[in-house]
Protein backbone atom coordinates (compact mmCIF):
# COMPACT_ATOMS: atom_id res chain seq x y z
CA MET A 1 379.22 188.22 -79.11
CA LYS A 2 377.17 186.94 -76.15
CA ILE A 3 375.40 189.62 -74.16
CA GLY A 4 373.50 188.94 -70.95
CA ILE A 5 370.79 191.35 -69.84
CA ASP A 6 369.27 191.69 -66.38
CA VAL A 7 365.47 191.86 -66.83
CA ARG A 8 364.47 191.23 -63.20
CA CYS A 9 362.86 194.66 -63.15
CA LEU A 10 360.14 193.33 -65.48
CA ILE A 11 358.84 190.48 -63.30
CA ASN A 12 356.27 192.52 -61.32
CA GLY A 13 354.23 193.59 -64.32
CA LYS A 14 354.41 197.28 -63.38
CA VAL A 15 355.12 199.83 -66.09
CA THR A 16 356.88 202.62 -64.20
CA GLY A 17 359.91 204.55 -65.42
CA VAL A 18 362.57 201.83 -65.23
CA GLU A 19 360.28 199.12 -66.62
CA GLU A 20 359.16 201.34 -69.49
CA TYR A 21 362.77 202.22 -70.22
CA THR A 22 363.87 198.58 -70.27
CA LEU A 23 361.01 197.35 -72.46
CA ASN A 24 361.35 200.10 -75.07
CA LEU A 25 365.13 200.02 -75.19
CA LEU A 26 365.44 196.24 -75.50
CA GLU A 27 362.76 195.95 -78.18
CA ASN A 28 364.58 198.49 -80.31
CA ILE A 29 367.99 196.91 -79.71
CA PHE A 30 366.63 193.50 -80.78
CA ARG A 31 364.99 194.96 -83.89
CA PHE A 32 368.31 196.35 -85.09
CA ASP A 33 370.69 193.59 -84.01
CA ARG A 34 370.10 190.09 -85.35
CA GLU A 35 373.74 189.00 -85.10
CA ASN A 36 374.75 189.12 -81.44
CA GLN A 37 373.30 186.55 -79.06
CA TYR A 38 371.26 187.93 -76.16
CA ILE A 39 370.48 185.97 -72.99
CA LEU A 40 367.95 187.51 -70.62
CA PHE A 41 368.48 186.82 -66.93
CA ILE A 42 365.46 186.54 -64.66
CA ASN A 43 365.02 185.13 -61.19
CA SER A 44 361.55 184.57 -59.81
CA PHE A 45 360.30 181.80 -57.56
CA ARG A 46 356.73 182.65 -58.54
CA GLU A 47 355.39 183.07 -62.04
CA PRO A 48 356.45 186.53 -63.35
CA LEU A 49 353.61 189.00 -63.79
CA GLY A 50 355.35 190.88 -66.60
CA ASP A 51 354.76 189.84 -70.19
CA LEU A 52 358.17 188.56 -71.27
CA LYS A 53 356.74 186.77 -74.31
CA VAL A 54 357.24 189.99 -76.25
CA PHE A 55 360.89 188.95 -76.71
CA GLU A 56 360.14 185.47 -78.08
CA LYS A 57 359.84 186.74 -81.67
CA TYR A 58 363.55 187.52 -81.84
CA PRO A 59 365.56 184.40 -82.88
CA ASN A 60 368.81 185.60 -81.28
CA VAL A 61 367.17 186.28 -77.90
CA SER A 62 366.66 183.62 -75.22
CA LEU A 63 365.32 183.83 -71.66
CA LYS A 64 366.90 181.94 -68.78
CA ARG A 65 364.76 181.87 -65.68
CA PHE A 66 366.00 180.77 -62.28
CA ARG A 67 363.89 180.10 -59.19
CA PHE A 68 366.21 180.97 -56.29
CA PRO A 69 364.52 182.65 -53.31
CA ASN A 70 365.24 186.33 -53.98
CA LYS A 71 366.29 187.22 -50.44
CA LEU A 72 368.77 184.36 -50.33
CA LEU A 73 370.15 185.17 -53.79
CA ASN A 74 370.57 188.85 -52.94
CA LEU A 75 372.35 187.91 -49.72
CA LEU A 76 374.76 185.71 -51.67
CA PHE A 77 375.34 188.47 -54.23
CA TRP A 78 375.94 191.04 -51.49
CA TYR A 79 378.15 188.98 -49.21
CA LEU A 80 379.99 186.60 -51.56
CA ASN A 81 379.60 188.11 -55.05
CA TRP A 82 378.32 184.64 -55.95
CA PRO A 83 376.90 182.90 -57.94
CA HIS A 84 378.44 184.52 -61.00
CA VAL A 85 375.50 185.30 -63.28
CA ASP A 86 377.68 185.38 -66.41
CA LYS A 87 378.76 181.77 -65.70
CA ILE A 88 375.28 180.38 -64.96
CA LEU A 89 374.14 181.95 -68.25
CA GLY A 90 376.76 179.90 -70.08
CA GLY A 91 379.56 182.45 -70.37
CA LEU A 92 379.21 186.04 -71.57
CA ASP A 93 381.25 188.80 -73.17
CA ILE A 94 379.08 191.58 -71.73
CA PHE A 95 376.48 191.81 -68.98
CA PHE A 96 374.09 194.75 -69.25
CA MET A 97 372.10 196.05 -66.26
CA PRO A 98 369.41 198.61 -67.21
CA ASN A 99 369.07 199.50 -63.52
CA ILE A 100 371.01 199.05 -60.29
CA SER A 101 370.42 195.86 -58.31
CA PHE A 102 372.22 193.10 -56.40
CA ILE A 103 374.45 191.13 -58.75
CA GLY A 104 377.36 188.69 -58.77
CA LEU A 105 379.76 188.63 -61.73
CA SER A 106 383.15 187.18 -62.52
CA LYS A 107 386.03 189.59 -63.11
CA LYS A 108 386.42 188.77 -66.80
CA VAL A 109 382.94 189.78 -67.96
CA LYS A 110 382.42 193.39 -69.03
CA LEU A 111 379.65 195.21 -67.14
CA ILE A 112 377.59 198.00 -68.68
CA LEU A 113 375.33 199.74 -66.19
CA THR A 114 372.54 202.30 -66.66
CA ILE A 115 371.99 204.92 -63.96
CA HIS A 116 368.69 206.80 -64.17
CA ASP A 117 369.33 209.28 -61.36
CA LEU A 118 371.03 209.70 -58.00
CA SER A 119 367.93 210.84 -56.14
CA PHE A 120 368.69 208.31 -53.38
CA GLU A 121 371.95 210.20 -52.79
CA LEU A 122 370.77 213.77 -53.42
CA VAL A 123 367.33 213.74 -51.76
CA PRO A 124 367.36 210.68 -49.44
CA GLN A 125 364.59 212.25 -47.34
CA THR A 126 362.13 211.48 -50.15
CA PHE A 127 362.71 207.72 -49.74
CA SER A 128 361.32 205.35 -47.13
CA LEU A 129 363.69 203.77 -44.61
CA LYS A 130 363.24 200.44 -46.40
CA ARG A 131 364.31 201.94 -49.75
CA ARG A 132 367.27 203.76 -48.17
CA LEU A 133 368.46 200.49 -46.63
CA TRP A 134 368.03 198.71 -49.97
CA HIS A 135 370.20 201.30 -51.73
CA SER A 136 372.75 201.09 -48.94
CA PHE A 137 373.13 197.33 -49.34
CA VAL A 138 373.12 197.43 -53.16
CA ASN A 139 375.93 200.01 -52.87
CA PRO A 140 375.58 201.88 -56.20
CA ARG A 141 378.98 203.55 -55.74
CA ARG A 142 380.72 200.15 -55.66
CA LEU A 143 378.62 198.92 -58.57
CA CYS A 144 379.62 201.98 -60.63
CA ARG A 145 383.28 201.38 -59.88
CA ARG A 146 382.93 197.74 -60.96
CA ALA A 147 381.26 198.74 -64.25
CA ASP A 148 383.37 199.07 -67.36
CA SER A 149 380.96 201.60 -68.87
CA ILE A 150 378.12 203.57 -67.32
CA VAL A 151 375.19 205.06 -69.21
CA ALA A 152 373.50 208.13 -67.72
CA VAL A 153 370.08 208.88 -69.19
CA SER A 154 370.68 212.63 -69.02
CA GLU A 155 373.57 215.09 -68.87
CA SER A 156 372.35 216.07 -65.42
CA THR A 157 372.67 212.51 -64.10
CA ARG A 158 376.06 212.20 -65.77
CA ALA A 159 377.28 215.33 -63.96
CA ASP A 160 375.94 213.98 -60.66
CA LEU A 161 377.80 210.70 -61.17
CA LEU A 162 381.10 212.43 -61.91
CA GLU A 163 380.79 214.74 -58.92
CA LYS A 164 379.29 212.36 -56.35
CA TYR A 165 381.26 209.20 -57.15
CA GLY A 166 384.44 210.70 -58.58
CA LEU A 167 384.26 208.60 -61.75
CA LYS A 168 386.41 209.15 -64.82
CA SER A 169 384.67 211.26 -67.44
CA SER A 170 385.49 208.75 -70.19
CA LYS A 171 383.69 205.98 -68.29
CA VAL A 172 380.29 207.68 -68.19
CA LYS A 173 378.36 208.18 -71.42
CA ARG A 174 375.11 210.08 -71.79
CA ILE A 175 372.42 208.35 -73.84
CA HIS A 176 369.07 210.09 -73.72
CA SER A 177 365.99 207.94 -73.32
CA GLY A 178 363.30 208.02 -75.99
CA VAL A 179 359.57 208.54 -76.10
CA GLY A 180 357.11 205.88 -77.23
CA GLU A 181 355.90 205.93 -80.83
CA GLY A 182 352.33 205.59 -79.55
CA PHE A 183 352.37 209.15 -78.19
CA GLN A 184 351.18 211.57 -80.86
CA ARG A 185 348.69 214.30 -81.58
CA MET A 186 345.17 213.09 -82.28
CA ASP A 187 342.31 214.56 -84.27
CA ARG A 188 339.96 216.41 -81.91
CA ASN A 189 337.03 214.50 -83.41
CA SER A 190 338.67 211.12 -82.81
CA LYS A 191 336.31 208.46 -81.53
CA LYS A 192 339.01 207.32 -79.10
CA LEU A 193 339.11 210.76 -77.47
CA ILE A 194 335.37 210.71 -76.88
CA GLU A 195 335.52 207.17 -75.44
CA VAL A 196 338.37 208.00 -73.03
CA LYS A 197 336.75 211.28 -71.97
CA ASP A 198 333.56 209.43 -71.07
CA LYS A 199 335.40 206.49 -69.49
CA TYR A 200 337.22 208.67 -66.95
CA ARG A 201 334.52 211.38 -66.79
CA LEU A 202 337.06 213.99 -67.78
CA PRO A 203 336.11 217.69 -67.95
CA PHE A 204 336.20 219.68 -71.17
CA ARG A 205 339.17 221.79 -70.04
CA PHE A 206 341.72 220.59 -67.50
CA ILE A 207 345.24 220.97 -66.19
CA PHE A 208 346.92 217.56 -66.08
CA PHE A 209 349.49 215.94 -63.80
CA LEU A 210 350.69 212.34 -64.20
CA GLY A 211 353.17 210.72 -61.84
CA THR A 212 353.56 208.76 -58.64
CA ILE A 213 351.93 210.51 -55.69
CA GLU A 214 354.95 211.08 -53.45
CA PRO A 215 356.74 214.11 -51.94
CA ARG A 216 359.39 214.27 -54.69
CA LYS A 217 356.75 214.99 -57.34
CA ASN A 218 355.73 218.18 -55.51
CA LEU A 219 352.00 217.83 -56.17
CA ILE A 220 351.18 220.06 -53.21
CA ALA A 221 352.69 223.09 -54.97
CA LEU A 222 350.51 222.42 -58.03
CA VAL A 223 347.35 222.22 -55.90
CA LYS A 224 348.21 225.57 -54.26
CA ALA A 225 348.81 227.15 -57.67
CA PHE A 226 345.50 225.77 -58.93
CA ASP A 227 343.63 227.22 -55.95
CA HIS A 228 345.23 230.61 -56.63
CA LEU A 229 344.29 230.38 -60.30
CA LYS A 230 340.66 229.60 -59.58
CA GLN A 231 340.42 232.51 -57.13
CA LEU A 232 340.87 234.92 -60.05
CA ASN A 233 337.34 233.94 -61.04
CA LEU A 234 337.84 235.04 -64.65
CA PRO A 235 334.99 234.47 -67.14
CA GLY A 236 334.91 230.85 -68.32
CA TRP A 237 337.51 229.70 -65.82
CA GLU A 238 334.88 228.08 -63.62
CA LYS A 239 335.02 225.15 -66.07
CA ILE A 240 338.78 224.58 -65.70
CA LYS A 241 339.59 221.53 -63.55
CA LEU A 242 342.73 219.84 -62.26
CA VAL A 243 343.18 216.16 -63.10
CA VAL A 244 345.77 214.23 -61.08
CA ALA A 245 346.67 210.71 -62.19
CA GLY A 246 349.13 208.29 -60.62
CA GLY A 247 349.60 205.48 -58.17
CA ARG A 248 350.11 206.12 -54.47
CA GLY A 249 353.78 206.12 -53.54
CA TRP A 250 355.70 206.62 -50.30
CA LYS A 251 354.18 209.28 -48.00
CA TYR A 252 351.33 209.96 -50.43
CA GLU A 253 348.93 210.85 -47.60
CA LYS A 254 349.83 214.56 -47.33
CA SER A 255 349.34 215.12 -51.06
CA ILE A 256 345.94 213.43 -51.01
CA GLU A 257 344.94 215.39 -47.92
CA THR A 258 345.99 218.66 -49.59
CA MET A 259 343.74 217.89 -52.56
CA LYS A 260 340.81 217.10 -50.26
CA LYS A 261 341.27 220.27 -48.20
CA ALA A 262 341.87 222.57 -51.16
CA ARG A 263 339.49 225.48 -51.49
CA TYR A 264 338.45 224.22 -54.92
CA THR A 265 338.61 220.52 -54.09
CA ASP A 266 335.40 219.89 -56.06
CA ASP A 267 337.31 220.91 -59.19
CA ILE A 268 340.09 218.35 -58.59
CA LEU A 269 339.70 214.89 -60.09
CA PHE A 270 342.03 212.14 -58.84
CA LEU A 271 342.57 209.07 -61.03
CA SER A 272 344.60 206.47 -59.16
CA ARG A 273 344.98 204.28 -62.23
CA ILE A 274 344.85 204.91 -65.96
CA SER A 275 345.61 202.24 -68.54
CA ASN A 276 348.62 202.59 -70.83
CA GLU A 277 346.25 202.32 -73.79
CA ASP A 278 344.45 205.50 -72.68
CA LYS A 279 347.43 207.68 -71.76
CA ASN A 280 347.90 209.15 -75.24
CA ALA A 281 344.24 210.17 -75.44
CA ILE A 282 344.28 211.77 -71.97
CA TYR A 283 347.36 213.82 -72.86
CA ASN A 284 345.56 214.99 -76.01
CA LEU A 285 342.49 215.97 -74.03
CA ALA A 286 344.50 218.03 -71.54
CA SER A 287 344.76 221.81 -71.89
CA VAL A 288 348.10 222.07 -70.05
CA PHE A 289 350.51 219.54 -68.52
CA VAL A 290 352.30 220.47 -65.29
CA TYR A 291 355.22 218.53 -63.80
CA PRO A 292 356.74 220.36 -60.79
CA SER A 293 359.02 217.53 -59.61
CA PHE A 294 362.01 218.37 -57.42
CA LEU A 295 364.35 215.91 -59.15
CA GLU A 296 364.16 213.65 -62.20
CA GLY A 297 366.71 211.50 -63.96
CA PHE A 298 364.76 211.98 -67.18
CA GLY A 299 361.02 212.61 -66.74
CA PHE A 300 359.05 210.50 -69.21
CA PRO A 301 355.64 212.17 -68.63
CA VAL A 302 357.07 215.54 -69.70
CA LEU A 303 358.28 214.16 -73.02
CA GLU A 304 355.09 212.18 -73.60
CA ALA A 305 352.93 215.27 -73.06
CA MET A 306 355.08 217.39 -75.35
CA LYS A 307 354.93 214.78 -78.13
CA CYS A 308 351.14 214.99 -77.90
CA GLY A 309 351.33 218.75 -78.40
CA VAL A 310 350.34 219.71 -74.86
CA PRO A 311 351.83 223.03 -73.64
CA THR A 312 354.01 222.00 -70.72
CA ILE A 313 355.09 223.62 -67.47
CA ALA A 314 357.92 221.81 -65.70
CA SER A 315 360.64 222.28 -63.09
CA ASN A 316 363.90 224.05 -63.86
CA THR A 317 365.86 221.43 -61.91
CA SER A 318 367.96 218.31 -62.63
CA SER A 319 367.42 216.79 -66.10
CA ILE A 320 364.16 218.51 -66.99
CA PRO A 321 365.59 221.67 -68.63
CA GLU A 322 367.68 219.61 -71.07
CA ILE A 323 364.55 217.65 -72.02
CA VAL A 324 362.16 220.60 -72.32
CA GLY A 325 364.61 223.10 -73.79
CA SER A 326 362.92 226.40 -74.68
CA GLU A 327 359.81 224.60 -75.93
CA GLY A 328 358.10 224.59 -72.53
CA ILE A 329 357.85 226.89 -69.52
CA LEU A 330 360.33 226.16 -66.73
CA ILE A 331 359.48 227.10 -63.14
CA ASP A 332 361.11 226.92 -59.72
CA PRO A 333 359.42 223.94 -58.00
CA GLU A 334 359.93 225.63 -54.64
CA LYS A 335 357.65 228.52 -55.71
CA PRO A 336 353.95 227.70 -56.32
CA ASP A 337 353.48 231.32 -57.46
CA GLU A 338 355.65 230.61 -60.51
CA ILE A 339 353.39 227.66 -61.43
CA PHE A 340 350.37 229.94 -61.01
CA THR A 341 351.91 232.68 -63.20
CA ALA A 342 352.85 230.22 -65.93
CA LEU A 343 349.34 228.75 -65.94
CA LYS A 344 347.79 232.21 -66.08
CA PHE A 345 349.95 233.25 -69.06
CA LEU A 346 349.25 230.08 -71.00
CA LEU A 347 345.51 230.03 -70.41
CA CYS A 348 345.04 233.76 -71.06
CA ASP A 349 347.30 234.21 -74.08
CA LYS A 350 346.08 232.16 -77.04
CA LYS A 351 349.07 233.12 -79.19
CA LEU A 352 351.52 232.00 -76.49
CA TYR A 353 349.50 228.81 -75.94
CA ASN A 354 349.62 227.87 -79.64
CA HIS A 355 353.34 228.71 -79.78
CA PHE A 356 354.17 226.11 -77.13
CA ARG A 357 351.65 223.66 -78.57
CA GLN A 358 353.52 223.62 -81.88
CA ARG A 359 357.06 223.80 -80.52
CA SER A 360 356.61 221.03 -77.95
CA VAL A 361 356.05 218.37 -80.62
CA ARG A 362 359.15 219.46 -82.51
CA ARG A 363 361.23 219.18 -79.35
CA ALA A 364 359.93 215.72 -78.41
CA LEU A 365 360.83 214.30 -81.82
CA LEU A 366 364.50 214.76 -80.97
CA PHE A 367 364.24 211.87 -78.49
CA SER A 368 363.72 208.38 -79.90
CA TRP A 369 364.26 204.80 -78.75
CA LYS A 370 365.77 203.97 -82.15
CA LYS A 371 368.50 206.51 -81.59
CA ALA A 372 369.10 205.27 -78.03
CA ALA A 373 369.29 201.63 -79.21
CA LYS A 374 371.89 202.47 -81.87
CA GLU A 375 374.03 204.29 -79.32
CA TYR A 376 373.88 201.28 -77.00
CA LEU A 377 374.90 198.93 -79.82
CA ASN A 378 377.89 201.15 -80.57
CA LEU A 379 378.83 200.99 -76.89
CA PHE A 380 378.55 197.17 -76.88
CA GLU A 381 380.88 196.97 -79.88
CA LYS A 382 383.33 199.39 -78.30
CA GLU A 383 383.64 197.28 -75.14
CA ILE A 384 384.77 194.15 -77.01
């Protein structure tokens, strides 16, 4: 069986949610499957910034790179459904897209499409005009109707697809994403922990947030809750800090301004960039992880933190409850007071704190890339 895979999302060298998903999923699929032939499709006029050499070690995987100007190619895909990618790759049985994008395919090739969330439909106000126009032209609804099978990364996203696009239930399958094997609990005396703590000048005790700085992540509510927490002025709490890490996204300015104008702004540390190699250590150093996002298709940082044994507070919306289960504290993202109360309980009650510290790891182990890869392979076989 010949399977084409769209890896255009990897050309920019960024490791955000979709890129992380694609890299981890494909590596695990290729480890298990040495029989089917995989052809990776990439189009980039300039040299790709992403490291695609990671796939070279698999003998049944090849990369075909094209150098069409992207704007022209997308226009051709959008207006003419041409060129047919399955044909320029030499003929395929299946074409797999791990994310929505412009594409042109012949009618005979089977299309399997992954949908991470429908945030662009449900909360369009959290997207820039440019991104809203991009989604409008890509037309995810039409792409979903063209697909032979659709994978939703959570039951929440699956429900949104069925309701919003009116798709047949049998066409949409839920396959949970996994969590990287590199995320794990570390010994408190680990040399790596000391190095990372010194590198980023991290405090001894801190509340941690990791995510893109944008309105959808609801960082402002966390800052308000932190201010409220510090105002209690309980013994020893003067040492507790808030560490915010993440790149600046759309409309980041208000979140940054809120941190600067917070009453306890001197106790807020903003890290615009942290390396992937240091993420595991920073999670382990954190006292609590808070993720008050309004909407998530899956929410990788939540799962990563839990696998590192960090007591986690997260939103009770979209996919997050099915990821966290009862092994974390769920709050209403619209109510900063609930974030404050959850933080107060965790930091004041050692027994409760240790309960969530132990249970979070157990929960995270239910999600693995190996399991996701096997479910995808079963889906590939089913389509032929």
